[in-house]
Amino acid sequence: MAKKLRIISKTDGFRRCGIAHPAEATHYDLDRFSEAEIKALKDEPNLIIDEVDVKDVKEKPADKGESDKK
């Protein structure tokens, strides 16, 4: 079963790894971030990070990145 990285920001719009993280749960494919970025995200006290099974994900999947938005 595939896993997703779930990120919740304690402060809406807090930026890390080039992304403004919302206060609601956002899910990303594990390959969206490098190992160094995942470590930085997990080490960031303003973010709540965990890995969840795809079947547990009920929210809309996250965009590939802010640069894709226009």
C-alpha atoms as a PDB file:
ATOM      1  CA  MET A   1       0.000   0.000   0.000  1.00  0.00           C
ATOM      2  CA  ALA A   2       1.326   3.424  -0.933  1.00  0.00           C
ATOM      3  CA  LYS A   3       2.109   6.040   1.692  1.00  0.00           C
ATOM      4  CA  LYS A   4       1.627   9.811   1.653  1.00  0.00           C
ATOM      5  CA  LEU A   5       3.361  12.489   3.670  1.00  0.00           C
ATOM      6  CA  ARG A   6       0.757  14.473   5.648  1.00  0.00           C
ATOM      7  CA  ILE A   7       1.799  17.991   6.650  1.00  0.00           C
ATOM      8  CA  ILE A   8      -0.115  20.321   8.963  1.00  0.00           C
ATOM      9  CA  SER A   9       1.243  23.768   9.770  1.00  0.00           C
ATOM     10  CA  LYS A  10       0.769  25.198  13.259  1.00  0.00           C
ATOM     11  CA  THR A  11       0.754  28.625  11.585  1.00  0.00           C
ATOM     12  CA  ASP A  12      -1.303  28.888   8.389  1.00  0.00           C
ATOM     13  CA  GLY A  13       0.969  29.753   5.458  1.00  0.00           C
ATOM     14  CA  PHE A  14       4.243  28.884   7.230  1.00  0.00           C
ATOM     15  CA  ARG A  15       6.887  28.334   4.542  1.00  0.00           C
ATOM     16  CA  ARG A  16       9.412  25.511   4.414  1.00  0.00           C
ATOM     17  CA  CYS A  17      11.007  23.813   1.381  1.00  0.00           C
ATOM     18  CA  GLY A  18       9.543  26.415  -0.972  1.00  0.00           C
ATOM     19  CA  ILE A  19       5.928  25.714  -0.011  1.00  0.00           C
ATOM     20  CA  ALA A  20       3.436  27.720   2.063  1.00  0.00           C
ATOM     21  CA  HIS A  21       1.904  25.038   4.283  1.00  0.00           C
ATOM     22  CA  PRO A  22      -1.749  25.493   5.293  1.00  0.00           C
ATOM     23  CA  ALA A  23      -3.140  24.811   8.755  1.00  0.00           C
ATOM     24  CA  GLU A  24      -5.273  21.980   7.366  1.00  0.00           C
ATOM     25  CA  ALA A  25      -3.796  18.596   6.501  1.00  0.00           C
ATOM     26  CA  THR A  26      -2.175  18.433   3.079  1.00  0.00           C
ATOM     27  CA  HIS A  27      -0.912  15.187   1.537  1.00  0.00           C
ATOM     28  CA  TYR A  28       2.082  14.731  -0.742  1.00  0.00           C
ATOM     29  CA  ASP A  29       3.621  11.747  -2.498  1.00  0.00           C
ATOM     30  CA  LEU A  30       6.777  10.682  -0.667  1.00  0.00           C
ATOM     31  CA  ASP A  31       8.858  11.316  -3.778  1.00  0.00           C
ATOM     32  CA  ARG A  32       7.692  14.976  -3.874  1.00  0.00           C
ATOM     33  CA  PHE A  33      10.543  15.889  -1.497  1.00  0.00           C
ATOM     34  CA  SER A  34      14.189  14.853  -1.342  1.00  0.00           C
ATOM     35  CA  GLU A  35      15.442  12.982   1.740  1.00  0.00           C
ATOM     36  CA  ALA A  36      17.101  16.213   2.942  1.00  0.00           C
ATOM     37  CA  GLU A  37      13.828  18.133   2.532  1.00  0.00           C
ATOM     38  CA  ILE A  38      11.864  15.472   4.426  1.00  0.00           C
ATOM     39  CA  LYS A  39      14.396  15.697   7.255  1.00  0.00           C
ATOM     40  CA  ALA A  40      14.083  19.511   7.296  1.00  0.00           C
ATOM     41  CA  LEU A  41      10.284  19.232   7.351  1.00  0.00           C
ATOM     42  CA  LYS A  42      10.320  16.676  10.173  1.00  0.00           C
ATOM     43  CA  ASP A  43      12.817  18.781  12.163  1.00  0.00           C
ATOM     44  CA  GLU A  44      10.651  21.918  11.838  1.00  0.00           C
ATOM     45  CA  PRO A  45       8.717  22.503  15.099  1.00  0.00           C
ATOM     46  CA  ASN A  46       6.062  24.597  13.296  1.00  0.00           C
ATOM     47  CA  LEU A  47       4.980  21.589  11.218  1.00  0.00           C
ATOM     48  CA  ILE A  48       3.274  18.340  12.137  1.00  0.00           C
ATOM     49  CA  ILE A  49       4.477  15.592   9.774  1.00  0.00           C
ATOM     50  CA  ASP A  50       3.552  11.941   9.489  1.00  0.00           C
ATOM     51  CA  GLU A  51       3.222   9.209   6.899  1.00  0.00           C
ATOM     52  CA  VAL A  52      -0.254   7.827   6.246  1.00  0.00           C
ATOM     53  CA  ASP A  53      -1.648   5.036   4.089  1.00  0.00           C
ATOM     54  CA  VAL A  54      -3.401   6.196   0.928  1.00  0.00           C
ATOM     55  CA  LYS A  55      -6.666   4.636   2.140  1.00  0.00           C
ATOM     56  CA  ASP A  56      -6.543   6.992   5.164  1.00  0.00           C
ATOM     57  CA  VAL A  57      -6.370  10.116   2.983  1.00  0.00           C
ATOM     58  CA  LYS A  58      -9.729  11.844   2.662  1.00  0.00           C
ATOM     59  CA  GLU A  59      -8.633  15.372   1.722  1.00  0.00           C
ATOM     60  CA  LYS A  60      -7.918  16.489  -1.823  1.00  0.00           C
ATOM     61  CA  PRO A  61      -4.296  15.619  -2.753  1.00  0.00           C
ATOM     62  CA  ALA A  62      -1.839  18.507  -2.732  1.00  0.00           C
ATOM     63  CA  ASP A  63      -0.736  20.213  -5.924  1.00  0.00           C
ATOM     64  CA  LYS A  64       2.693  19.256  -7.211  1.00  0.00           C
ATOM     65  CA  GLY A  65       4.017  22.651  -6.145  1.00  0.00           C
ATOM     66  CA  GLU A  66       3.210  26.299  -5.923  1.00  0.00           C
ATOM     67  CA  SER A  67       5.139  26.973  -9.112  1.00  0.00           C
ATOM     68  CA  ASP A  68       2.428  25.008 -10.969  1.00  0.00           C
ATOM     69  CA  LYS A  69      -0.213  27.524  -9.850  1.00  0.00           C
ATOM     70  CA  LYS A  70      -0.728  30.660 -11.887  1.00  0.00           C
END
